[in-house]
N, C-alpha and C. Protein backbone atom coordinates (compact mmCIF):
# COMPACT_ATOMS: atom_id res chain seq x y z
N MET A 1 -5.21 -15.55 -2.57
CA MET A 1 -3.72 -15.41 -2.17
C MET A 1 -3.93 -14.14 -1.34
N SER A 2 -3.28 -14.48 -0.15
CA SER A 2 -3.07 -13.36 1.03
C SER A 2 -2.46 -12.22 0.60
N TRP A 3 -2.40 -11.17 1.15
CA TRP A 3 -1.59 -9.81 0.77
C TRP A 3 -0.15 -10.46 1.24
N ASN A 4 0.09 -10.91 2.24
CA ASN A 4 1.22 -11.29 2.83
C ASN A 4 1.79 -12.58 1.79
N ASP A 5 1.41 -13.44 1.39
CA ASP A 5 1.90 -14.38 0.91
C ASP A 5 2.04 -13.82 -0.69
N LEU A 6 0.99 -13.11 -1.36
CA LEU A 6 1.60 -12.08 -2.39
C LEU A 6 2.76 -11.70 -2.55
N VAL A 7 3.08 -10.60 -1.56
CA VAL A 7 4.13 -9.73 -1.48
C VAL A 7 5.44 -10.86 -1.40
N ILE A 8 5.06 -12.00 -0.42
CA ILE A 8 6.47 -12.66 -0.30
C ILE A 8 6.62 -13.45 -1.50
N GLU A 9 5.87 -14.02 -2.12
CA GLU A 9 6.06 -14.50 -3.41
C GLU A 9 6.79 -13.62 -4.45
N LYS A 10 6.06 -12.60 -4.75
CA LYS A 10 6.30 -11.79 -5.72
C LYS A 10 7.71 -10.75 -5.63
N SER A 11 8.23 -10.85 -4.32
CA SER A 11 9.40 -10.35 -3.98
C SER A 11 10.63 -10.78 -4.24
N ARG A 12 10.59 -12.01 -4.45
CA ARG A 12 11.52 -12.76 -4.53
C ARG A 12 12.97 -13.10 -3.80
N GLY A 13 12.24 -13.04 -2.47
CA GLY A 13 13.23 -13.27 -1.43
C GLY A 13 13.66 -11.77 -0.40
N ILE A 14 13.05 -10.85 -1.35
CA ILE A 14 13.33 -9.26 -0.43
C ILE A 14 12.45 -9.51 0.86
N VAL A 15 11.19 -9.58 0.89
CA VAL A 15 10.27 -9.75 1.77
C VAL A 15 10.18 -11.18 2.35
N THR A 16 10.31 -11.64 3.66
CA THR A 16 10.21 -13.15 3.62
C THR A 16 9.11 -13.07 5.06
N GLU A 17 9.00 -14.18 5.33
CA GLU A 17 7.95 -14.33 6.72
C GLU A 17 8.41 -13.69 7.71
N LYS A 18 9.87 -13.52 8.03
CA LYS A 18 10.56 -12.79 8.99
C LYS A 18 10.28 -11.36 9.04
N ASN A 19 10.44 -10.70 7.88
CA ASN A 19 10.25 -9.18 7.50
C ASN A 19 8.88 -8.64 7.44
N ILE A 20 7.99 -9.44 7.09
CA ILE A 20 6.80 -8.97 6.29
C ILE A 20 6.21 -8.04 7.30
N ASP A 21 6.15 -8.18 8.57
CA ASP A 21 5.53 -7.12 9.33
C ASP A 21 6.45 -5.81 9.15
N ASP A 22 7.63 -5.79 9.34
CA ASP A 22 8.37 -4.63 8.85
C ASP A 22 8.12 -3.92 7.82
N PHE A 23 7.94 -4.70 6.56
CA PHE A 23 7.55 -4.26 5.15
C PHE A 23 5.99 -3.65 5.32
N ASN A 24 5.16 -4.35 5.68
CA ASN A 24 3.60 -3.83 5.90
C ASN A 24 3.79 -2.48 6.72
N MET A 25 4.38 -2.45 7.32
CA MET A 25 4.42 -0.79 8.60
C MET A 25 5.11 0.04 7.34
N ASP A 26 5.91 -0.04 6.61
CA ASP A 26 6.82 0.68 5.93
C ASP A 26 5.56 1.09 4.61
N PHE A 27 5.48 -0.21 4.25
CA PHE A 27 4.11 0.17 3.06
C PHE A 27 2.80 1.06 3.59
N TRP A 28 2.33 0.78 4.82
CA TRP A 28 1.24 1.44 5.13
C TRP A 28 1.66 3.11 5.41
N SER A 29 2.98 3.19 5.64
CA SER A 29 3.35 4.70 5.91
C SER A 29 3.39 5.24 4.58
N ALA A 30 4.03 4.45 3.75
CA ALA A 30 4.42 5.03 2.36
C ALA A 30 3.07 5.59 1.63
N ILE A 31 2.03 4.58 1.54
CA ILE A 31 1.02 4.74 0.87
C ILE A 31 -0.05 5.78 1.83
N ASN A 32 -0.01 5.77 3.06
CA ASN A 32 -0.79 6.90 3.80
C ASN A 32 -0.16 8.51 3.67
N ASN A 33 1.12 8.15 3.25
CA ASN A 33 2.00 9.52 3.10
C ASN A 33 1.57 10.00 1.77
N GLU A 34 1.43 8.91 0.71
CA GLU A 34 1.07 9.24 -0.61
C GLU A 34 -0.48 9.87 -0.58
N HIS A 35 -1.34 9.38 0.03
CA HIS A 35 -3.00 9.53 0.07
C HIS A 35 -2.96 10.92 0.13
N ASN A 36 -4.03 11.61 -0.40
CA ASN A 36 -4.66 12.91 -0.10
C ASN A 36 -6.01 12.57 0.54
N SER A 37 -5.80 12.86 2.19
CA SER A 37 -7.27 12.78 2.85
C SER A 37 -8.31 13.29 2.52
N ASP A 38 -8.23 14.25 1.56
CA ASP A 38 -9.57 15.04 1.39
C ASP A 38 -10.24 14.29 0.11
N ILE A 39 -9.71 13.48 -0.22
CA ILE A 39 -10.06 12.34 -1.51
C ILE A 39 -11.49 11.90 -0.87
N PRO A 40 -12.76 11.97 -1.45
CA PRO A 40 -13.97 11.59 -1.20
C PRO A 40 -14.16 10.40 -0.82
N ASP A 41 -14.83 9.93 0.23
CA ASP A 41 -15.47 8.36 0.51
C ASP A 41 -15.68 7.53 -0.67
N GLY A 42 -15.21 6.27 -0.95
CA GLY A 42 -15.75 5.61 -2.07
C GLY A 42 -14.79 6.00 -3.10
N GLU A 43 -13.98 6.91 -3.37
CA GLU A 43 -13.51 7.16 -4.58
C GLU A 43 -12.32 5.91 -4.70
N PHE A 44 -11.98 5.65 -6.02
CA PHE A 44 -11.23 4.84 -6.63
C PHE A 44 -9.87 5.24 -6.63
N CYS A 45 -8.67 4.72 -6.09
CA CYS A 45 -7.42 5.76 -6.09
C CYS A 45 -6.23 4.70 -6.94
N GLU A 46 -5.19 5.08 -7.50
CA GLU A 46 -4.05 4.22 -7.69
C GLU A 46 -2.93 4.81 -7.04
N PHE A 47 -2.05 3.71 -6.95
CA PHE A 47 -0.76 4.25 -6.34
C PHE A 47 0.41 3.61 -6.71
N ALA A 48 1.59 4.47 -6.67
CA ALA A 48 2.92 3.96 -7.21
C ALA A 48 3.93 4.22 -6.23
N ILE A 49 4.75 3.27 -5.46
CA ILE A 49 5.81 3.50 -4.66
C ILE A 49 6.83 2.80 -4.74
N ASP A 50 7.98 3.15 -4.68
CA ASP A 50 9.27 2.97 -4.87
C ASP A 50 9.82 2.58 -3.51
N MET A 51 10.18 1.23 -2.97
CA MET A 51 10.52 1.04 -1.31
C MET A 51 11.12 -0.40 -1.57
N TRP A 52 11.85 -0.73 -0.76
CA TRP A 52 12.85 -1.95 -0.63
C TRP A 52 13.41 -2.41 -1.82
N GLY A 53 14.02 -1.56 -2.71
CA GLY A 53 14.28 -2.09 -3.69
C GLY A 53 13.29 -2.67 -4.99
N MET A 54 11.98 -2.12 -4.65
CA MET A 54 11.04 -2.55 -5.57
C MET A 54 10.14 -1.65 -6.01
N LYS A 55 9.40 -1.41 -7.12
CA LYS A 55 8.36 -0.63 -7.84
C LYS A 55 7.10 -1.53 -7.31
N LEU A 56 6.33 -0.90 -6.37
CA LEU A 56 4.94 -1.40 -6.12
C LEU A 56 3.81 -0.44 -6.87
N ARG A 57 2.87 -1.23 -7.50
CA ARG A 57 1.87 -0.19 -8.21
C ARG A 57 0.43 -1.11 -7.93
N GLY A 58 -0.46 -0.41 -7.78
CA GLY A 58 -1.81 -0.90 -7.20
C GLY A 58 -2.99 -0.10 -7.17
N HIS A 59 -4.10 -0.41 -6.49
CA HIS A 59 -4.96 0.49 -6.32
C HIS A 59 -5.64 0.21 -5.16
N TYR A 60 -6.55 1.16 -4.37
CA TYR A 60 -7.29 0.88 -3.41
C TYR A 60 -8.46 1.86 -3.41
N VAL A 61 -9.49 1.75 -2.66
CA VAL A 61 -10.77 2.35 -2.27
C VAL A 61 -10.68 3.12 -1.04
N VAL A 62 -11.06 4.53 -1.42
CA VAL A 62 -10.99 5.44 -0.15
C VAL A 62 -12.49 5.35 1.12
N GLU A 63 -11.87 5.31 1.98
CA GLU A 63 -13.18 4.99 3.19
C GLU A 63 -12.78 6.01 4.16
N TRP A 64 -14.19 6.51 4.48
CA TRP A 64 -14.06 7.77 5.61
C TRP A 64 -13.44 6.97 7.03
N ILE A 65 -12.66 7.76 7.69
CA ILE A 65 -11.86 7.29 8.79
C ILE A 65 -13.03 7.00 9.89
N GLY A 66 -14.03 7.58 9.87
CA GLY A 66 -14.88 7.21 11.10
C GLY A 66 -15.23 8.23 11.89
N ASP A 67 -14.46 9.35 12.19
CA ASP A 67 -14.55 10.20 13.28
C ASP A 67 -15.24 11.30 12.87
N ASN A 68 -16.29 11.53 13.84
CA ASN A 68 -17.52 12.64 13.55
C ASN A 68 -16.64 13.98 13.62
N ASP A 69 -15.39 13.97 14.11
CA ASP A 69 -14.57 15.46 14.38
C ASP A 69 -13.99 15.73 13.13
N TYR A 70 -13.80 14.70 12.17
CA TYR A 70 -13.28 14.83 10.86
C TYR A 70 -13.99 14.19 9.72
N PRO A 71 -15.19 14.92 9.52
CA PRO A 71 -15.97 14.34 8.55
C PRO A 71 -15.73 13.89 7.23
N ASN A 72 -14.73 14.72 6.85
CA ASN A 72 -14.19 14.45 5.36
C ASN A 72 -12.85 13.93 5.20
N GLU A 73 -12.44 13.55 6.33
CA GLU A 73 -11.08 12.77 6.20
C GLU A 73 -11.22 11.32 5.84
N THR A 74 -10.07 10.89 4.77
CA THR A 74 -10.43 9.38 4.47
C THR A 74 -9.08 8.85 4.70
N GLU A 75 -9.09 7.56 4.20
CA GLU A 75 -7.68 6.70 4.26
C GLU A 75 -8.06 5.60 3.12
N PRO A 76 -6.67 5.22 2.76
CA PRO A 76 -6.72 4.21 2.00
C PRO A 76 -7.37 2.67 2.67
N CYS A 77 -8.13 2.14 1.75
CA CYS A 77 -8.93 0.62 2.20
C CYS A 77 -8.91 -0.18 0.87
N GLU A 78 -9.04 -1.38 1.10
CA GLU A 78 -9.40 -2.41 0.22
C GLU A 78 -8.07 -2.25 -0.85
N ILE A 79 -6.92 -2.22 -0.16
CA ILE A 79 -5.44 -2.13 -0.90
C ILE A 79 -5.25 -3.28 -1.78
N GLU A 80 -5.13 -3.23 -2.99
CA GLU A 80 -4.78 -4.37 -4.00
C GLU A 80 -3.29 -4.11 -4.63
N LEU A 81 -2.33 -5.08 -4.82
CA LEU A 81 -1.45 -4.99 -5.37
C LEU A 81 -1.48 -5.78 -6.90
N ASP A 82 -1.27 -4.60 -7.73
CA ASP A 82 -1.44 -5.05 -9.23
C ASP A 82 0.02 -5.67 -9.69
N TYR A 83 0.93 -4.81 -9.36
CA TYR A 83 2.18 -4.94 -9.95
C TYR A 83 3.39 -4.73 -9.00
N LEU A 84 4.50 -5.86 -8.91
CA LEU A 84 5.57 -5.52 -8.15
C LEU A 84 6.69 -5.66 -9.02
N GLU A 85 7.79 -4.97 -9.23
CA GLU A 85 8.95 -4.91 -10.21
C GLU A 85 10.25 -5.09 -9.26
N ILE A 86 11.06 -5.80 -9.30
CA ILE A 86 12.37 -5.77 -8.66
C ILE A 86 13.25 -4.58 -9.44
N VAL A 87 13.83 -3.90 -8.78
CA VAL A 87 14.49 -2.82 -9.36
C VAL A 87 15.96 -3.33 -9.23
N LYS A 88 16.74 -3.70 -10.37
CA LYS A 88 18.13 -3.96 -10.42
C LYS A 88 18.93 -2.93 -9.91
N VAL A 89 19.95 -3.15 -8.93
CA VAL A 89 20.87 -2.60 -8.38
C VAL A 89 22.42 -2.93 -9.34
N ALA A 90 22.70 -1.72 -9.96
CA ALA A 90 23.98 -1.66 -10.50
C ALA A 90 25.41 -1.84 -9.55
């Protein structure tokens, strides 16, 4: 199942085909802000992000950004969503 289809299905209507691009932009921003760019290339990392009324948990592999001016700079790659929970609003 694709990333978009998985998120849309698991979010139970919070994320739809109409707003998946907005969700993906917000998600990438959140995971990128959480990521320590000095983690070595190839490392396995886990993430936990609360956004859009959901708790998202998963993992990714760190990959070098490919810029020779920043030989130790990495970013999240091969992101996998392991868990999505809808947060109940009182």
